[in-house]
Amino acid sequence: MTRSAGILLYRLGNDGPEVLLVHPGGPFWARKDAGAWSIPKGEYGDDEDPQACALREFEEETGTALSPAALADLGSIRQKGGKEVTAWAVEGDLDADAIVSNTFELEWPPRSGRMQTVPEVDRAGWFGLEEAREKLNPAQGAFLDRLSELLDA
């Protein structure tokens, strides 16, 4: 089973909480929007701490390092394809237009033999919880519910 860990960064605005979501880079995702966005996250193996992975992936995908001190556990969900995603929430702010993502090599078009370098994340944005639910991979919507419960507590 594939496992990922990520961070749901949030800020409190006048109209309620907003969350930072990222859009995957590369030609496959270029024209996809609703259901394509995600929390910043990445895969980890049996020998790696999920929280350490979440912090590393957040930094790799946004260019911003976070402290583990204030992380709130949001638990895990299982996405449609079977991937288990574990997440933590933390309050913070960053300029979504100024993110700097790592890159990876991709053969595109498939089986063409042509390799190109693409960003893991091509953009980020702040969204209110209702709009975030439309943008997110559907299974990750549970993290928004858990964040709401955490903030109401």
N, C-alpha and C. Protein backbone atom coordinates (compact mmCIF):
# COMPACT_ATOMS: atom_id res chain seq x y z
N MET A 1 0.83 -1.18 0.00
CA MET A 1 0.00 0.00 0.00
C MET A 1 0.88 1.25 0.00
N THR A 2 0.53 2.20 -0.82
CA THR A 2 1.24 3.46 -0.87
C THR A 2 0.72 4.38 0.23
N ARG A 3 1.67 5.04 0.90
CA ARG A 3 1.31 5.95 1.97
C ARG A 3 1.96 7.31 1.75
N SER A 4 1.18 8.36 2.02
CA SER A 4 1.69 9.72 1.92
C SER A 4 1.38 10.46 3.21
N ALA A 5 2.13 11.53 3.45
CA ALA A 5 1.91 12.38 4.60
C ALA A 5 2.00 13.83 4.16
N GLY A 6 1.16 14.68 4.75
CA GLY A 6 1.15 16.07 4.33
C GLY A 6 0.70 17.03 5.42
N ILE A 7 0.74 18.31 5.05
CA ILE A 7 0.40 19.40 5.96
C ILE A 7 -0.74 20.21 5.36
N LEU A 8 -1.75 20.48 6.17
CA LEU A 8 -2.83 21.38 5.81
C LEU A 8 -2.57 22.70 6.53
N LEU A 9 -1.99 23.66 5.82
CA LEU A 9 -1.71 24.98 6.37
C LEU A 9 -3.00 25.78 6.31
N TYR A 10 -3.33 26.46 7.41
CA TYR A 10 -4.54 27.27 7.42
C TYR A 10 -4.26 28.64 8.04
N ARG A 11 -5.12 29.58 7.69
CA ARG A 11 -5.08 30.90 8.30
C ARG A 11 -6.52 31.32 8.57
N LEU A 12 -6.69 32.16 9.57
CA LEU A 12 -8.02 32.60 9.94
C LEU A 12 -8.26 33.99 9.35
N GLY A 13 -9.25 34.08 8.46
CA GLY A 13 -9.58 35.34 7.82
C GLY A 13 -10.89 35.89 8.35
N ASN A 14 -11.29 37.02 7.85
CA ASN A 14 -12.55 37.64 8.26
C ASN A 14 -13.75 36.78 7.92
N ASP A 15 -13.66 36.00 6.86
CA ASP A 15 -14.77 35.15 6.42
C ASP A 15 -14.60 33.69 6.85
N GLY A 16 -13.73 33.46 7.84
CA GLY A 16 -13.51 32.10 8.31
C GLY A 16 -12.16 31.57 7.88
N PRO A 17 -11.90 30.30 8.16
CA PRO A 17 -10.59 29.72 7.83
C PRO A 17 -10.39 29.59 6.32
N GLU A 18 -9.14 29.74 5.92
CA GLU A 18 -8.70 29.47 4.56
C GLU A 18 -7.58 28.44 4.64
N VAL A 19 -7.49 27.59 3.63
CA VAL A 19 -6.45 26.56 3.59
C VAL A 19 -5.61 26.70 2.34
N LEU A 20 -4.35 26.32 2.46
CA LEU A 20 -3.43 26.35 1.32
C LEU A 20 -3.48 25.00 0.62
N LEU A 21 -3.80 25.03 -0.66
CA LEU A 21 -3.79 23.81 -1.49
C LEU A 21 -2.79 24.00 -2.62
N VAL A 22 -2.30 22.88 -3.13
CA VAL A 22 -1.36 22.92 -4.25
C VAL A 22 -1.92 22.13 -5.43
N HIS A 23 -1.53 22.57 -6.62
CA HIS A 23 -1.96 21.93 -7.86
C HIS A 23 -0.76 21.18 -8.45
N PRO A 24 -0.93 19.91 -8.80
CA PRO A 24 0.20 19.14 -9.33
C PRO A 24 0.69 19.68 -10.67
N GLY A 25 2.00 19.66 -10.85
CA GLY A 25 2.59 20.13 -12.09
C GLY A 25 2.61 19.04 -13.15
N GLY A 26 2.99 19.43 -14.34
CA GLY A 26 3.11 18.49 -15.44
C GLY A 26 1.95 18.56 -16.40
N PRO A 27 2.16 18.07 -17.61
CA PRO A 27 1.15 18.18 -18.67
C PRO A 27 -0.13 17.40 -18.39
N PHE A 28 -0.06 16.30 -17.66
CA PHE A 28 -1.27 15.51 -17.39
C PHE A 28 -2.28 16.33 -16.59
N TRP A 29 -1.80 17.15 -15.66
CA TRP A 29 -2.67 17.92 -14.76
C TRP A 29 -2.96 19.32 -15.26
N ALA A 30 -2.33 19.76 -16.33
CA ALA A 30 -2.40 21.16 -16.76
C ALA A 30 -3.81 21.71 -16.89
N ARG A 31 -4.75 20.94 -17.40
CA ARG A 31 -6.11 21.45 -17.62
C ARG A 31 -7.12 20.92 -16.60
N LYS A 32 -6.63 20.25 -15.58
CA LYS A 32 -7.53 19.71 -14.55
C LYS A 32 -7.59 20.68 -13.37
N ASP A 33 -8.79 20.84 -12.81
CA ASP A 33 -8.94 21.77 -11.70
C ASP A 33 -9.75 21.11 -10.57
N ALA A 34 -11.05 21.01 -10.72
CA ALA A 34 -11.89 20.45 -9.65
C ALA A 34 -11.45 19.02 -9.34
N GLY A 35 -11.18 18.75 -8.09
CA GLY A 35 -10.76 17.42 -7.67
C GLY A 35 -9.29 17.11 -7.88
N ALA A 36 -8.54 18.04 -8.47
CA ALA A 36 -7.14 17.77 -8.79
C ALA A 36 -6.17 18.33 -7.74
N TRP A 37 -6.60 19.31 -6.97
CA TRP A 37 -5.74 19.94 -5.98
C TRP A 37 -5.54 19.02 -4.78
N SER A 38 -4.54 19.34 -3.97
CA SER A 38 -4.19 18.50 -2.83
C SER A 38 -3.59 19.34 -1.72
N ILE A 39 -3.49 18.74 -0.55
CA ILE A 39 -2.63 19.33 0.46
C ILE A 39 -1.20 19.02 0.02
N PRO A 40 -0.21 19.83 0.39
CA PRO A 40 1.17 19.46 0.08
C PRO A 40 1.52 18.16 0.82
N LYS A 41 1.92 17.15 0.06
CA LYS A 41 2.16 15.84 0.65
C LYS A 41 3.12 15.04 -0.22
N GLY A 42 3.59 13.92 0.32
CA GLY A 42 4.45 13.04 -0.44
C GLY A 42 4.52 11.67 0.18
N GLU A 43 5.02 10.73 -0.58
CA GLU A 43 5.09 9.34 -0.14
C GLU A 43 6.23 9.12 0.84
N TYR A 44 6.01 8.14 1.72
CA TYR A 44 7.06 7.75 2.66
C TYR A 44 7.08 6.23 2.78
N GLY A 45 8.24 5.72 3.18
CA GLY A 45 8.43 4.28 3.32
C GLY A 45 8.31 3.82 4.76
N ASP A 46 8.46 2.52 4.96
CA ASP A 46 8.33 1.92 6.29
C ASP A 46 9.37 2.45 7.27
N ASP A 47 10.52 2.88 6.76
CA ASP A 47 11.61 3.32 7.63
C ASP A 47 11.57 4.82 7.91
N GLU A 48 10.52 5.52 7.50
CA GLU A 48 10.46 6.97 7.66
C GLU A 48 9.29 7.38 8.55
N ASP A 49 9.51 8.39 9.37
CA ASP A 49 8.47 8.95 10.23
C ASP A 49 7.51 9.77 9.36
N PRO A 50 6.20 9.50 9.42
CA PRO A 50 5.24 10.23 8.59
C PRO A 50 5.26 11.75 8.81
N GLN A 51 5.41 12.17 10.06
CA GLN A 51 5.42 13.62 10.33
C GLN A 51 6.66 14.28 9.72
N ALA A 52 7.80 13.61 9.81
CA ALA A 52 9.03 14.14 9.19
C ALA A 52 8.85 14.22 7.68
N CYS A 53 8.19 13.23 7.09
CA CYS A 53 7.90 13.24 5.66
C CYS A 53 7.01 14.42 5.30
N ALA A 54 5.96 14.64 6.10
CA ALA A 54 5.02 15.73 5.84
C ALA A 54 5.73 17.08 5.84
N LEU A 55 6.60 17.29 6.80
CA LEU A 55 7.35 18.55 6.88
C LEU A 55 8.30 18.71 5.70
N ARG A 56 8.99 17.63 5.34
CA ARG A 56 9.92 17.67 4.20
C ARG A 56 9.17 17.97 2.91
N GLU A 57 8.06 17.28 2.69
CA GLU A 57 7.30 17.47 1.45
C GLU A 57 6.71 18.87 1.37
N PHE A 58 6.25 19.41 2.49
CA PHE A 58 5.73 20.78 2.48
C PHE A 58 6.82 21.74 2.01
N GLU A 59 8.01 21.58 2.56
CA GLU A 59 9.11 22.46 2.16
C GLU A 59 9.50 22.25 0.70
N GLU A 60 9.55 20.99 0.24
CA GLU A 60 9.91 20.72 -1.15
C GLU A 60 8.89 21.30 -2.13
N GLU A 61 7.61 21.27 -1.76
CA GLU A 61 6.56 21.69 -2.69
C GLU A 61 6.23 23.17 -2.62
N THR A 62 6.62 23.84 -1.52
CA THR A 62 6.30 25.27 -1.39
C THR A 62 7.52 26.16 -1.24
N GLY A 63 8.65 25.58 -0.83
CA GLY A 63 9.83 26.38 -0.57
C GLY A 63 9.83 26.98 0.83
N THR A 64 8.88 26.60 1.67
CA THR A 64 8.77 27.13 3.03
C THR A 64 8.90 26.01 4.05
N ALA A 65 9.80 26.20 5.01
CA ALA A 65 9.99 25.22 6.08
C ALA A 65 9.04 25.56 7.23
N LEU A 66 8.51 24.53 7.87
CA LEU A 66 7.62 24.69 9.01
C LEU A 66 8.24 24.02 10.23
N SER A 67 7.88 24.52 11.41
CA SER A 67 8.30 23.90 12.67
C SER A 67 7.31 22.79 13.04
N PRO A 68 7.81 21.68 13.56
CA PRO A 68 6.89 20.61 13.97
C PRO A 68 6.15 20.93 15.27
N ALA A 69 6.52 22.01 15.94
CA ALA A 69 6.00 22.30 17.29
C ALA A 69 4.48 22.41 17.36
N ALA A 70 3.86 23.05 16.40
CA ALA A 70 2.42 23.35 16.52
C ALA A 70 1.53 22.46 15.67
N LEU A 71 2.03 21.34 15.19
CA LEU A 71 1.24 20.48 14.31
C LEU A 71 0.11 19.78 15.06
N ALA A 72 -1.08 19.82 14.49
CA ALA A 72 -2.24 19.13 15.06
C ALA A 72 -2.58 17.94 14.16
N ASP A 73 -2.69 16.76 14.73
CA ASP A 73 -2.94 15.53 13.99
C ASP A 73 -4.36 15.53 13.42
N LEU A 74 -4.47 15.33 12.12
CA LEU A 74 -5.77 15.22 11.45
C LEU A 74 -6.11 13.78 11.09
N GLY A 75 -5.25 12.85 11.46
CA GLY A 75 -5.53 11.44 11.18
C GLY A 75 -5.23 11.07 9.73
N SER A 76 -5.84 9.98 9.28
CA SER A 76 -5.58 9.44 7.94
C SER A 76 -6.89 9.22 7.19
N ILE A 77 -6.76 9.21 5.88
CA ILE A 77 -7.88 8.89 4.97
C ILE A 77 -7.34 7.93 3.91
N ARG A 78 -8.24 7.29 3.20
CA ARG A 78 -7.84 6.43 2.08
C ARG A 78 -8.46 7.02 0.81
N GLN A 79 -7.60 7.31 -0.16
CA GLN A 79 -8.08 7.86 -1.43
C GLN A 79 -8.62 6.74 -2.31
N LYS A 80 -9.32 7.13 -3.35
CA LYS A 80 -9.98 6.18 -4.25
C LYS A 80 -9.03 5.10 -4.78
N GLY A 81 -7.81 5.48 -5.13
CA GLY A 81 -6.84 4.53 -5.67
C GLY A 81 -6.19 3.64 -4.62
N GLY A 82 -6.55 3.83 -3.34
CA GLY A 82 -6.01 3.00 -2.28
C GLY A 82 -4.92 3.66 -1.46
N LYS A 83 -4.39 4.80 -1.90
CA LYS A 83 -3.33 5.47 -1.15
C LYS A 83 -3.86 5.97 0.19
N GLU A 84 -3.10 5.70 1.25
CA GLU A 84 -3.43 6.21 2.57
C GLU A 84 -2.69 7.53 2.77
N VAL A 85 -3.41 8.57 3.17
CA VAL A 85 -2.82 9.89 3.39
C VAL A 85 -3.03 10.28 4.85
N THR A 86 -1.94 10.62 5.52
CA THR A 86 -1.96 11.10 6.90
C THR A 86 -1.62 12.58 6.87
N ALA A 87 -2.34 13.38 7.67
CA ALA A 87 -2.12 14.83 7.61
C ALA A 87 -2.09 15.47 8.98
N TRP A 88 -1.43 16.61 9.03
CA TRP A 88 -1.39 17.47 10.20
C TRP A 88 -1.79 18.86 9.77
N ALA A 89 -2.42 19.60 10.67
CA ALA A 89 -2.79 20.99 10.41
C ALA A 89 -1.88 21.90 11.22
N VAL A 90 -1.61 23.07 10.66
CA VAL A 90 -0.85 24.09 11.38
C VAL A 90 -1.27 25.45 10.86
N GLU A 91 -1.40 26.39 11.78
CA GLU A 91 -1.75 27.75 11.37
C GLU A 91 -0.51 28.46 10.87
N GLY A 92 -0.66 29.20 9.78
CA GLY A 92 0.46 29.93 9.23
C GLY A 92 0.02 30.71 8.00
N ASP A 93 0.96 31.37 7.39
CA ASP A 93 0.66 32.16 6.20
C ASP A 93 1.89 32.16 5.30
N LEU A 94 1.66 32.19 4.04
CA LEU A 94 2.73 32.35 3.06
C LEU A 94 2.13 32.92 1.79
N ASP A 95 2.97 33.47 0.95
CA ASP A 95 2.53 34.03 -0.32
C ASP A 95 2.38 32.88 -1.32
N ALA A 96 1.14 32.51 -1.62
CA ALA A 96 0.89 31.37 -2.52
C ALA A 96 1.46 31.60 -3.92
N ASP A 97 1.56 32.85 -4.33
CA ASP A 97 2.09 33.15 -5.66
C ASP A 97 3.61 33.06 -5.71
N ALA A 98 4.25 32.93 -4.57
CA ALA A 98 5.72 32.92 -4.52
C ALA A 98 6.29 31.55 -4.17
N ILE A 99 5.47 30.49 -4.25
CA ILE A 99 6.00 29.17 -3.91
C ILE A 99 7.10 28.76 -4.89
N VAL A 100 8.01 27.94 -4.41
CA VAL A 100 9.08 27.40 -5.24
C VAL A 100 9.08 25.90 -5.01
N SER A 101 8.71 25.15 -6.04
CA SER A 101 8.59 23.71 -5.93
C SER A 101 9.81 23.01 -6.50
N ASN A 102 10.08 21.82 -5.96
CA ASN A 102 11.10 20.97 -6.56
C ASN A 102 10.59 20.47 -7.92
N THR A 103 11.45 19.85 -8.69
CA THR A 103 11.09 19.36 -10.02
C THR A 103 11.37 17.86 -10.14
N PHE A 104 10.85 17.26 -11.20
CA PHE A 104 11.14 15.86 -11.49
C PHE A 104 11.15 15.67 -12.99
N GLU A 105 11.76 14.57 -13.43
CA GLU A 105 11.84 14.23 -14.85
C GLU A 105 10.62 13.39 -15.23
N LEU A 106 10.06 13.69 -16.39
CA LEU A 106 8.86 13.00 -16.86
C LEU A 106 8.98 12.74 -18.36
N GLU A 107 8.64 11.51 -18.77
CA GLU A 107 8.58 11.21 -20.19
C GLU A 107 7.21 11.66 -20.70
N TRP A 108 7.24 12.64 -21.63
CA TRP A 108 5.96 13.16 -22.16
C TRP A 108 6.14 13.52 -23.61
N PRO A 109 5.23 13.13 -24.46
CA PRO A 109 4.12 12.21 -24.23
C PRO A 109 4.63 10.82 -23.84
N PRO A 110 3.74 10.04 -23.18
CA PRO A 110 4.15 8.69 -22.76
C PRO A 110 4.70 7.87 -23.92
N ARG A 111 5.74 7.10 -23.65
CA ARG A 111 6.41 6.22 -24.61
C ARG A 111 7.01 6.97 -25.81
N SER A 112 7.23 8.30 -25.67
CA SER A 112 7.80 9.08 -26.76
C SER A 112 9.32 9.12 -26.70
N GLY A 113 9.88 8.78 -25.53
CA GLY A 113 11.32 8.87 -25.36
C GLY A 113 11.79 10.29 -25.04
N ARG A 114 10.88 11.25 -25.03
CA ARG A 114 11.25 12.65 -24.75
C ARG A 114 11.04 12.93 -23.26
N MET A 115 12.12 13.36 -22.60
CA MET A 115 12.06 13.67 -21.18
C MET A 115 11.98 15.18 -21.00
N GLN A 116 11.21 15.60 -20.00
CA GLN A 116 11.16 17.01 -19.67
C GLN A 116 11.15 17.16 -18.15
N THR A 117 11.63 18.29 -17.70
CA THR A 117 11.64 18.61 -16.28
C THR A 117 10.41 19.45 -15.97
N VAL A 118 9.63 19.00 -14.97
CA VAL A 118 8.41 19.71 -14.60
C VAL A 118 8.38 19.91 -13.09
N PRO A 119 7.72 20.98 -12.63
CA PRO A 119 7.61 21.18 -11.17
C PRO A 119 6.63 20.18 -10.58
N GLU A 120 6.93 19.72 -9.36
CA GLU A 120 6.01 18.82 -8.68
C GLU A 120 4.68 19.54 -8.42
N VAL A 121 4.77 20.83 -8.13
CA VAL A 121 3.60 21.68 -7.90
C VAL A 121 3.73 22.88 -8.82
N ASP A 122 2.69 23.17 -9.62
CA ASP A 122 2.81 24.30 -10.52
C ASP A 122 2.17 25.58 -9.98
N ARG A 123 1.33 25.45 -8.94
CA ARG A 123 0.77 26.64 -8.30
C ARG A 123 0.13 26.26 -6.98
N ALA A 124 -0.08 27.28 -6.17
CA ALA A 124 -0.73 27.10 -4.87
C ALA A 124 -1.78 28.19 -4.73
N GLY A 125 -2.73 27.98 -3.84
CA GLY A 125 -3.74 29.00 -3.61
C GLY A 125 -4.38 28.84 -2.26
N TRP A 126 -4.90 29.95 -1.76
CA TRP A 126 -5.67 29.97 -0.52
C TRP A 126 -7.14 29.89 -0.87
N PHE A 127 -7.86 29.01 -0.17
CA PHE A 127 -9.28 28.80 -0.46
C PHE A 127 -10.06 28.70 0.85
N GLY A 128 -11.27 29.29 0.84
CA GLY A 128 -12.19 29.06 1.94
C GLY A 128 -12.58 27.59 1.92
N LEU A 129 -13.12 27.08 3.02
CA LEU A 129 -13.38 25.65 3.14
C LEU A 129 -14.34 25.12 2.08
N GLU A 130 -15.35 25.90 1.72
CA GLU A 130 -16.31 25.43 0.71
C GLU A 130 -15.65 25.29 -0.66
N GLU A 131 -14.90 26.31 -1.07
CA GLU A 131 -14.21 26.24 -2.36
C GLU A 131 -13.11 25.18 -2.34
N ALA A 132 -12.43 25.05 -1.20
CA ALA A 132 -11.38 24.04 -1.08
C ALA A 132 -11.95 22.64 -1.30
N ARG A 133 -13.14 22.40 -0.78
CA ARG A 133 -13.77 21.08 -0.94
C ARG A 133 -13.99 20.75 -2.42
N GLU A 134 -14.31 21.76 -3.23
CA GLU A 134 -14.50 21.55 -4.68
C GLU A 134 -13.18 21.28 -5.38
N LYS A 135 -12.11 21.91 -4.92
CA LYS A 135 -10.80 21.80 -5.57
C LYS A 135 -10.08 20.50 -5.20
N LEU A 136 -10.24 20.08 -3.95
CA LEU A 136 -9.48 18.94 -3.41
C LEU A 136 -9.86 17.60 -4.01
N ASN A 137 -8.88 16.70 -3.99
CA ASN A 137 -9.17 15.29 -4.21
C ASN A 137 -10.29 14.96 -3.22
N PRO A 138 -11.39 14.36 -3.68
CA PRO A 138 -12.57 14.18 -2.82
C PRO A 138 -12.30 13.55 -1.45
N ALA A 139 -11.44 12.55 -1.38
CA ALA A 139 -11.18 11.89 -0.09
C ALA A 139 -10.52 12.84 0.90
N GLN A 140 -9.75 13.80 0.41
CA GLN A 140 -9.06 14.73 1.31
C GLN A 140 -10.01 15.74 1.93
N GLY A 141 -11.25 15.79 1.48
CA GLY A 141 -12.25 16.66 2.09
C GLY A 141 -12.45 16.36 3.56
N ALA A 142 -12.21 15.12 3.97
CA ALA A 142 -12.33 14.75 5.38
C ALA A 142 -11.37 15.58 6.24
N PHE A 143 -10.22 15.97 5.69
CA PHE A 143 -9.29 16.80 6.45
C PHE A 143 -9.89 18.18 6.74
N LEU A 144 -10.70 18.69 5.82
CA LEU A 144 -11.37 19.98 6.05
C LEU A 144 -12.37 19.86 7.20
N ASP A 145 -13.11 18.73 7.22
CA ASP A 145 -14.06 18.49 8.32
C ASP A 145 -13.33 18.43 9.65
N ARG A 146 -12.20 17.73 9.67
CA ARG A 146 -11.45 17.58 10.91
C ARG A 146 -10.83 18.90 11.35
N LEU A 147 -10.40 19.72 10.39
CA LEU A 147 -9.88 21.04 10.71
C LEU A 147 -10.99 21.90 11.32
N SER A 148 -12.18 21.85 10.73
CA SER A 148 -13.32 22.61 11.28
C SER A 148 -13.60 22.21 12.71
N GLU A 149 -13.59 20.91 12.98
CA GLU A 149 -13.84 20.43 14.34
C GLU A 149 -12.74 20.92 15.30
N LEU A 150 -11.51 20.90 14.84
CA LEU A 150 -10.38 21.34 15.64
C LEU A 150 -10.51 22.83 15.98
N LEU A 151 -10.91 23.64 15.02
CA LEU A 151 -11.02 25.07 15.23
C LEU A 151 -12.22 25.45 16.08
N ASP A 152 -13.26 24.61 16.06
CA ASP A 152 -14.46 24.87 16.88
C ASP A 152 -14.23 24.48 18.34
N ALA A 153 -13.25 23.65 18.57
CA ALA A 153 -13.01 23.13 19.93
C ALA A 153 -12.51 24.21 20.87
